[in-house]
């Protein structure tokens, strides 16, 4: 199994989120922003690797962007 375009580097963001969740500090907003970045990179990885279409990538991107905008309000 391939690590995709980023050789699994995009999944390291999940490791960072796990560490933040264990910290005794309110990092919920930062965790959500990192989750947005991870989801977009993962979607891009699938698109650039030929697993999904450009349309699927754009749909995922704009959906996640809307989620981020709601978070930052």
C-alpha atoms as a PDB file:
ATOM      1  CA  UNK A   1       0.000   0.000   0.000  1.00  0.00           C
ATOM      2  CA  UNK A   2       1.318   3.383  -0.990  1.00  0.00           C
ATOM      3  CA  UNK A   3       1.658   6.314   1.375  1.00  0.00           C
ATOM      4  CA  UNK A   4       0.098   8.488  -1.269  1.00  0.00           C
ATOM      5  CA  UNK A   5       1.387  11.762  -2.610  1.00  0.00           C
ATOM      6  CA  UNK A   6       2.594  12.914   0.818  1.00  0.00           C
ATOM      7  CA  UNK A   7       3.986   9.528   1.939  1.00  0.00           C
ATOM      8  CA  UNK A   8       1.690   9.630   5.001  1.00  0.00           C
ATOM      9  CA  UNK A   9       3.013  13.025   6.169  1.00  0.00           C
ATOM     10  CA  UNK A  10      -0.503  14.467   6.057  1.00  0.00           C
ATOM     11  CA  UNK A  11      -1.572  11.842   8.592  1.00  0.00           C
ATOM     12  CA  UNK A  12       1.009  13.106  11.091  1.00  0.00           C
ATOM     13  CA  UNK A  13      -1.394  15.964  11.743  1.00  0.00           C
ATOM     14  CA  UNK A  14      -3.602  13.384  13.436  1.00  0.00           C
ATOM     15  CA  UNK A  15      -0.704  12.587  15.772  1.00  0.00           C
ATOM     16  CA  UNK A  16      -0.407  16.283  16.648  1.00  0.00           C
ATOM     17  CA  UNK A  17      -4.145  16.463  17.372  1.00  0.00           C
ATOM     18  CA  UNK A  18      -3.830  13.456  19.695  1.00  0.00           C
ATOM     19  CA  UNK A  19      -1.017  15.170  21.601  1.00  0.00           C
ATOM     20  CA  UNK A  20      -3.010  18.392  21.900  1.00  0.00           C
ATOM     21  CA  UNK A  21      -5.976  16.465  23.289  1.00  0.00           C
ATOM     22  CA  UNK A  22      -3.778  15.063  26.071  1.00  0.00           C
ATOM     23  CA  UNK A  23      -2.498  18.499  27.078  1.00  0.00           C
ATOM     24  CA  UNK A  24      -4.181  20.253  29.983  1.00  0.00           C
ATOM     25  CA  UNK A  25      -4.913  23.363  27.967  1.00  0.00           C
ATOM     26  CA  UNK A  26      -7.949  24.411  25.928  1.00  0.00           C
ATOM     27  CA  UNK A  27      -6.859  23.579  22.383  1.00  0.00           C
ATOM     28  CA  UNK A  28     -10.252  22.700  20.866  1.00  0.00           C
ATOM     29  CA  UNK A  29     -10.204  25.449  18.248  1.00  0.00           C
ATOM     30  CA  UNK A  30      -6.631  24.632  17.229  1.00  0.00           C
ATOM     31  CA  UNK A  31      -7.543  20.936  16.980  1.00  0.00           C
ATOM     32  CA  UNK A  32     -10.449  21.770  14.674  1.00  0.00           C
ATOM     33  CA  UNK A  33      -8.246  23.936  12.445  1.00  0.00           C
ATOM     34  CA  UNK A  34      -5.672  21.152  12.198  1.00  0.00           C
ATOM     35  CA  UNK A  35      -8.453  18.659  11.413  1.00  0.00           C
ATOM     36  CA  UNK A  36      -9.548  20.962   8.563  1.00  0.00           C
ATOM     37  CA  UNK A  37      -5.991  21.027   7.196  1.00  0.00           C
ATOM     38  CA  UNK A  38      -5.665  17.256   7.526  1.00  0.00           C
ATOM     39  CA  UNK A  39      -8.964  16.639   5.719  1.00  0.00           C
ATOM     40  CA  UNK A  40      -8.079  18.981   2.850  1.00  0.00           C
ATOM     41  CA  UNK A  41      -4.617  17.458   2.424  1.00  0.00           C
ATOM     42  CA  UNK A  42      -6.101  13.965   2.465  1.00  0.00           C
ATOM     43  CA  UNK A  43      -8.668  14.920  -0.156  1.00  0.00           C
ATOM     44  CA  UNK A  44      -5.945  16.541  -2.279  1.00  0.00           C
ATOM     45  CA  UNK A  45      -3.807  13.412  -1.898  1.00  0.00           C
ATOM     46  CA  UNK A  46      -6.623  11.242  -3.239  1.00  0.00           C
ATOM     47  CA  UNK A  47      -7.224  13.657  -6.131  1.00  0.00           C
ATOM     48  CA  UNK A  48      -3.585  14.089  -7.174  1.00  0.00           C
ATOM     49  CA  UNK A  49      -3.023  10.324  -6.909  1.00  0.00           C
ATOM     50  CA  UNK A  50      -5.923   9.690  -9.295  1.00  0.00           C
ATOM     51  CA  UNK A  51      -8.225   8.086  -6.718  1.00  0.00           C
ATOM     52  CA  UNK A  52     -10.882  10.811  -6.993  1.00  0.00           C
ATOM     53  CA  UNK A  53     -11.813  13.534  -9.455  1.00  0.00           C
ATOM     54  CA  UNK A  54     -11.040  17.227  -9.355  1.00  0.00           C
ATOM     55  CA  UNK A  55     -14.740  17.802  -8.770  1.00  0.00           C
ATOM     56  CA  UNK A  56     -14.676  15.570  -5.690  1.00  0.00           C
ATOM     57  CA  UNK A  57     -11.647  17.442  -4.370  1.00  0.00           C
ATOM     58  CA  UNK A  58     -13.312  20.830  -4.911  1.00  0.00           C
ATOM     59  CA  UNK A  59     -16.511  19.612  -3.229  1.00  0.00           C
ATOM     60  CA  UNK A  60     -14.528  18.408  -0.196  1.00  0.00           C
ATOM     61  CA  UNK A  61     -12.487  21.616  -0.131  1.00  0.00           C
ATOM     62  CA  UNK A  62     -15.484  23.936  -0.121  1.00  0.00           C
ATOM     63  CA  UNK A  63     -17.340  21.795   2.431  1.00  0.00           C
ATOM     64  CA  UNK A  64     -14.357  21.906   4.782  1.00  0.00           C
ATOM     65  CA  UNK A  65     -13.867  25.619   4.124  1.00  0.00           C
ATOM     66  CA  UNK A  66     -17.464  26.284   5.206  1.00  0.00           C
ATOM     67  CA  UNK A  67     -16.814  24.276   8.378  1.00  0.00           C
ATOM     68  CA  UNK A  68     -13.711  26.361   9.069  1.00  0.00           C
ATOM     69  CA  UNK A  69     -15.573  29.628   8.508  1.00  0.00           C
ATOM     70  CA  UNK A  70     -18.232  28.569  11.027  1.00  0.00           C
ATOM     71  CA  UNK A  71     -15.516  27.650  13.508  1.00  0.00           C
ATOM     72  CA  UNK A  72     -13.745  31.010  13.219  1.00  0.00           C
ATOM     73  CA  UNK A  73     -16.878  33.097  13.788  1.00  0.00           C
END
